Protein backbone atom coordinates (compact mmCIF):
# COMPACT_ATOMS: atom_id res chain seq x y z
CA MET A 1 0.00 0.00 0.00
CA ARG A 2 2.82 2.40 0.82
CA ALA A 3 4.45 1.55 -2.51
CA ALA A 4 1.26 2.70 -4.22
CA GLY A 5 1.43 6.04 -2.43
CA PHE A 6 -1.05 5.31 0.34
CA GLN A 7 -0.33 6.21 3.92
CA VAL A 8 -0.97 3.64 6.63
CA GLU A 9 -1.46 4.10 10.35
CA LEU A 10 -2.24 1.54 13.03
CA GLU A 11 -4.85 1.82 15.77
CA VAL A 12 -6.54 5.01 14.55
CA ALA A 13 -9.47 6.11 16.68
CA ALA A 14 -12.51 8.08 15.64
CA PRO A 15 -12.70 11.69 16.88
CA THR A 16 -15.64 10.65 19.06
CA GLY A 17 -13.82 7.57 20.35
CA GLU A 18 -16.70 5.33 19.23
CA TRP A 19 -14.48 3.11 17.10
CA ARG A 20 -10.83 2.30 16.57
CA ALA A 21 -9.52 0.96 13.27
CA ASP A 22 -6.85 -1.72 13.32
CA VAL A 23 -5.38 -0.24 10.15
CA MET A 24 -6.37 3.08 8.62
CA VAL A 25 -5.40 3.78 5.04
CA PHE A 26 -5.08 7.36 3.89
CA SER A 27 -4.90 8.58 0.32
CA PRO A 28 -1.75 10.41 -0.80
CA ASP A 29 -3.36 13.77 -0.01
CA GLY A 30 -4.05 12.67 3.56
CA THR A 31 -7.76 11.97 3.17
CA ARG A 32 -8.95 9.10 5.32
CA LEU A 33 -9.88 6.35 2.87
CA MET A 34 -10.61 2.95 4.40
CA ALA A 35 -10.43 1.08 7.68
CA LEU A 36 -9.10 -2.47 7.55
CA GLU A 37 -10.41 -4.47 10.49
CA ALA A 38 -9.19 -7.92 11.55
CA GLN A 39 -12.08 -9.65 13.33
CA LEU A 40 -10.70 -12.75 15.04
CA SER A 41 -12.77 -12.80 18.23
CA PRO A 42 -16.45 -13.78 18.27
CA ILE A 43 -18.93 -11.04 17.43
CA THR A 44 -22.63 -10.99 16.68
CA VAL A 45 -24.12 -9.97 13.36
CA GLU A 46 -25.86 -7.06 15.07
CA ASP A 47 -22.68 -5.76 16.72
CA ILE A 48 -20.56 -5.85 13.59
CA ALA A 49 -23.35 -4.16 11.62
CA ALA A 50 -23.48 -1.41 14.24
CA ARG A 51 -19.70 -0.93 14.12
CA THR A 52 -19.80 -0.81 10.33
CA GLY A 53 -22.53 1.81 10.54
CA LEU A 54 -20.36 3.99 12.80
CA HIS A 55 -17.55 3.91 10.27
CA GLU A 56 -19.88 4.77 7.42
CA ARG A 57 -21.46 7.57 9.44
CA ASP A 58 -18.03 9.15 9.75
CA GLY A 59 -17.34 8.77 6.04
CA VAL A 60 -14.96 5.84 6.37
CA GLU A 61 -15.28 2.72 4.24
CA VAL A 62 -14.43 -0.52 5.99
CA CYS A 63 -13.49 -4.08 5.15
CA TRP A 64 -13.49 -6.85 7.73
CA PHE A 65 -10.99 -9.70 7.56
CA GLY A 66 -11.25 -13.21 8.93
CA PHE A 67 -9.77 -16.66 8.47
CA ARG A 68 -12.87 -18.84 8.26
CA PRO A 69 -16.65 -18.59 7.83
CA ARG A 70 -18.51 -17.11 10.80
CA PRO A 71 -22.13 -16.02 11.21
CA TRP A 72 -21.19 -12.37 10.56
CA VAL A 73 -19.10 -13.11 7.46
CA GLY A 74 -20.71 -11.68 4.34
CA THR A 75 -23.21 -9.55 6.23
CA VAL A 76 -20.72 -6.65 6.00
CA PRO A 77 -17.90 -6.04 3.50
CA THR A 78 -15.65 -9.04 4.16
CA LEU A 79 -12.59 -10.85 2.89
CA LEU A 80 -11.49 -14.21 4.20
CA VAL A 81 -7.76 -14.71 3.93
CA GLN A 82 -5.15 -17.43 4.23
CA ALA A 83 -1.72 -16.93 5.75
CA PRO A 84 1.30 -18.05 3.69
CA GLU A 85 2.65 -21.48 4.47
CA ASP A 86 6.23 -20.62 3.64
CA ARG A 87 8.35 -17.53 3.96
CA GLY A 88 8.27 -15.45 0.84
CA GLN A 89 4.76 -16.46 -0.12
CA GLU A 90 1.88 -14.00 -0.17
CA TRP A 91 -1.30 -13.84 1.84
CA ARG A 92 -4.21 -15.02 -0.30
CA VAL A 93 -7.90 -14.18 -0.49
CA THR A 94 -10.02 -17.32 -0.09
CA ALA A 95 -13.52 -15.78 -0.07
CA GLY A 96 -15.27 -12.46 -0.51
CA LEU A 97 -14.25 -11.55 -4.06
CA ALA A 98 -16.23 -12.71 -7.11
CA ARG A 99 -16.82 -12.16 -10.82
CA LEU A 100 -20.06 -12.47 -12.79
CA SER A 101 -20.46 -14.48 -15.98
CA PRO A 102 -23.34 -13.67 -18.38
CA ARG A 103 -25.93 -15.97 -19.97
CA PRO A 104 -26.71 -17.53 -17.67
CA LEU A 105 -25.73 -15.15 -14.92
CA SER A 106 -23.49 -16.89 -12.41
CA TRP A 107 -20.99 -15.74 -9.81
CA SER A 108 -17.63 -17.46 -9.43
CA PRO A 109 -14.85 -16.86 -6.88
CA VAL A 110 -11.73 -14.83 -7.56
CA ASN A 111 -8.69 -16.06 -5.65
CA VAL A 112 -5.93 -13.48 -5.69
CA ALA A 113 -3.14 -12.17 -3.53
CA LEU A 114 -4.36 -10.10 -0.60
CA SER A 115 -2.19 -7.19 -1.72
CA ASP A 116 -3.98 -7.09 -5.09
CA ALA A 117 -7.43 -7.29 -3.49
CA VAL A 118 -6.67 -4.42 -1.11
CA ALA A 119 -5.22 -2.31 -3.92
CA TRP A 120 -8.37 -2.86 -5.98
CA MET A 121 -10.54 -1.78 -3.03
CA LEU A 122 -8.48 1.35 -2.34
CA THR A 123 -8.49 2.45 -5.97
CA GLY A 124 -12.20 1.82 -6.42
CA ARG A 125 -11.80 -1.01 -8.91
CA THR A 126 -13.90 -3.24 -6.66
CA VAL A 127 -16.89 -2.36 -4.50
CA PRO A 128 -19.11 -4.20 -1.98
CA HIS A 129 -22.10 -5.43 -3.94
CA LYS A 130 -25.40 -7.02 -2.95
CA PRO A 131 -26.61 -9.38 -5.71
CA LEU A 132 -29.64 -8.02 -7.54
CA SER A 133 -30.40 -10.67 -10.14
CA SER A 134 -31.47 -14.28 -9.67
CA ALA A 135 -27.81 -15.26 -9.28
CA GLN A 136 -27.63 -15.13 -5.49
CA ARG A 137 -24.69 -17.44 -4.74
CA VAL A 138 -21.03 -17.71 -5.58
CA THR A 139 -20.59 -21.21 -6.99
CA ASP A 140 -17.85 -23.34 -8.53
CA GLY A 141 -19.75 -23.78 -11.80
CA ASP A 142 -20.54 -27.47 -11.36
CA ILE A 143 -22.99 -27.26 -8.47
CA VAL A 144 -24.94 -24.06 -9.02
CA TYR A 145 -27.24 -24.42 -6.03
CA SER A 146 -24.59 -24.47 -3.30
CA TRP A 147 -21.88 -22.05 -2.24
CA VAL A 148 -18.35 -22.60 -3.39
CA GLU A 149 -16.19 -24.43 -0.88
CA GLY A 150 -14.59 -22.22 1.75
CA TRP A 151 -17.18 -19.45 1.66
CA THR A 152 -19.71 -20.91 4.10
CA ARG A 153 -19.63 -23.08 7.18
CA SER A 154 -22.90 -24.99 6.74
CA TRP A 155 -25.56 -25.47 4.08
CA ASN A 156 -27.79 -22.65 5.37
CA ASP A 157 -25.04 -20.02 5.57
CA GLY A 158 -24.94 -17.30 2.95
CA TRP A 159 -23.27 -14.05 2.02
CA ARG A 160 -25.42 -10.96 1.59
CA LEU A 161 -22.73 -9.04 -0.29
CA TRP A 162 -19.23 -9.50 -1.66
CA TRP A 163 -16.53 -7.48 -3.41
CA THR A 164 -16.65 -7.31 -7.19
CA ALA A 165 -15.58 -5.09 -10.06
CA LEU A 166 -17.77 -2.18 -11.07
CA ALA A 167 -18.39 -3.78 -14.46
CA TYR A 168 -19.75 -6.95 -12.83
CA ALA A 169 -21.97 -4.91 -10.53
CA ALA A 170 -23.37 -3.09 -13.57
CA LEU A 171 -23.89 -6.41 -15.40
CA ASP A 172 -25.78 -7.79 -12.40
CA ALA A 173 -28.00 -4.70 -12.28
CA GLU A 174 -28.74 -5.01 -16.01
CA GLY A 175 -29.54 -8.69 -15.58
CA ALA A 176 -31.94 -7.84 -12.76
CA ARG A 177 -33.71 -5.29 -14.99
CA GLU A 178 -34.02 -7.81 -17.82
CA GLU A 179 -35.42 -10.43 -15.43
CA ALA A 180 -37.93 -7.91 -14.07
CA GLU A 181 -39.03 -7.01 -17.61
CA ALA A 182 -39.38 -10.70 -18.51
CA ARG A 183 -41.53 -11.25 -15.40
CA ARG A 184 -43.65 -8.24 -16.34
CA ARG A 185 -44.18 -9.60 -19.87
CA ARG A 186 -45.05 -13.06 -18.57
CA GLY A 187 -47.51 -11.54 -16.12
CA ALA A 188 -49.15 -9.48 -18.87
CA GLU A 189 -49.39 -12.53 -21.15
CA GLU A 190 -50.90 -14.63 -18.37
CA LYS A 191 -53.47 -11.91 -17.63
CA ASP A 192 -54.39 -11.66 -21.32
CA ALA A 193 -54.76 -15.43 -21.55
CA ALA A 194 -56.90 -15.45 -18.42
CA ARG A 195 -59.13 -12.70 -19.83
CA ARG A 196 -59.55 -14.60 -23.09
CA ARG A 197 -60.48 -17.77 -21.24
CA ALA A 198 -62.99 -15.86 -19.12
CA VAL A 199 -64.61 -14.33 -22.24
CA GLU A 200 -64.80 -17.72 -23.96
CA GLU A 201 -66.33 -19.33 -20.88
CA ARG A 202 -68.87 -16.52 -20.53
CA GLU A 203 -69.86 -16.77 -24.20
CA GLY A 204 -70.22 -20.53 -23.86
CA GLN A 205 -72.47 -20.11 -20.83
CA GLU A 206 -74.63 -17.55 -22.65
CA GLU A 207 -75.05 -19.82 -25.66
CA GLY A 208 -76.00 -22.71 -23.40
CA SER A 209 -78.62 -20.64 -21.57
CA GLN A 210 -80.16 -19.35 -24.82
CA GLY A 211 -80.26 -22.71 -26.60
CA PRO A 212 -83.70 -24.05 -25.41
CA GLY A 213 -85.45 -20.73 -26.04
CA VAL A 214 -84.11 -20.59 -29.57
CA CYS A 215 -85.36 -24.13 -30.15
CA ARG A 216 -88.84 -23.19 -28.96
CA VAL A 217 -88.96 -20.20 -31.29
CA LEU A 218 -87.86 -22.30 -34.25
CA ALA A 219 -90.47 -24.94 -33.40
CA ALA A 220 -93.20 -22.29 -33.22
CA CYS A 221 -92.13 -20.92 -36.57
CA ARG A 222 -92.34 -24.38 -38.13
CA ARG A 223 -95.84 -24.90 -36.68
CA CYS A 224 -96.91 -21.56 -38.12
CA ARG A 225 -95.66 -22.50 -41.57
CA CYS A 226 -97.46 -25.87 -41.39
CA ALA A 227 -100.71 -24.18 -40.32
CA SER A 228 -100.44 -21.69 -43.17
CA LYS A 229 -99.95 -24.46 -45.69
CA ASN A 230 -103.00 -26.36 -44.35
CA SER A 231 -105.16 -23.23 -44.44
CA SER A 232 -104.18 -22.55 -48.06
CA ALA A 233 -104.96 -26.11 -49.06
CA MET A 234 -108.39 -25.96 -47.43
CA ALA A 235 -109.17 -22.64 -49.15
CA ARG A 236 -108.25 -24.01 -52.57
CA LYS A 237 -110.40 -27.05 -51.98
CA TYR A 238 -113.40 -24.89 -50.90
CA PHE A 239 -113.24 -22.52 -53.88
CA HIS A 240 -112.73 -25.37 -56.25
CA SER A 241 -115.90 -27.02 -54.98
CA CYS A 242 -117.80 -23.83 -55.51
C-alpha cells in the first residue's frame, strides 16, 4: 500500500472515540480512505453491523478480515484470507471476491493475492455489492445451487454481499432489470390469456342458456308454416268445390 502512495497508520481512533480501526489507510493527499479491520474474536451480526454503521457515518469505508466462515461473514464487506505457508509467499484471499459471468448469470470466486485485493478496493476497482439478479450465490460452476467451498460453514449459511468489479456490478443490475421485464411480460401474457379464457367461458355459458329458447322459437315458426300451408290447401279445396 505504501508503494502505491497510500499512507498507513495503526490503531486510529474516531474523533468521538466510538471506534478504533486496526489499520487506517489514507490517500496520498491525507484523506482518510478505508479502515481495515481484523475480526478474530467472536462477534454478533448485530454488533458488527453497528460498528460498520459507525464507520460509514463518519465517512470511512471498511473491510473486515477473517480466516474462516462465521455467522457475521458476508453480512458486512468481508474478505477471508489465508496466511502463507512458507516464507516469501503472499497472503491469499479465499472468499469475498467474485466475478459475474453472463448468460446464464453466475458468480464465481476470484482467488488473488491479498495485496492485489486491497489495492483494488483502495483504488475503487472493486466495491461491496449485494446481488440483484437471480444469481444469489457464488458457486464453482458445477454445483450451481450451493456455495463454493470455503465461503460458508454450513448449508444454510450465505453471504449478503461481496466485493466485485464495477463492471460486474453493472452487469448484475442489467440482468436484474431484464429479469424484471421478462416477469412483467409473462404476467401481462398470463393476464391476457386469463381474460380470453374468461370471455370464452362466458360466451359458452350464454349460448348454453339461450339454446332451449331458440329451439322453442324455431319450433313455433315451423308450426306456423305448417298451419299456413294447411289453411291454403283448405281454401283451394273450398273454392274449387264452388
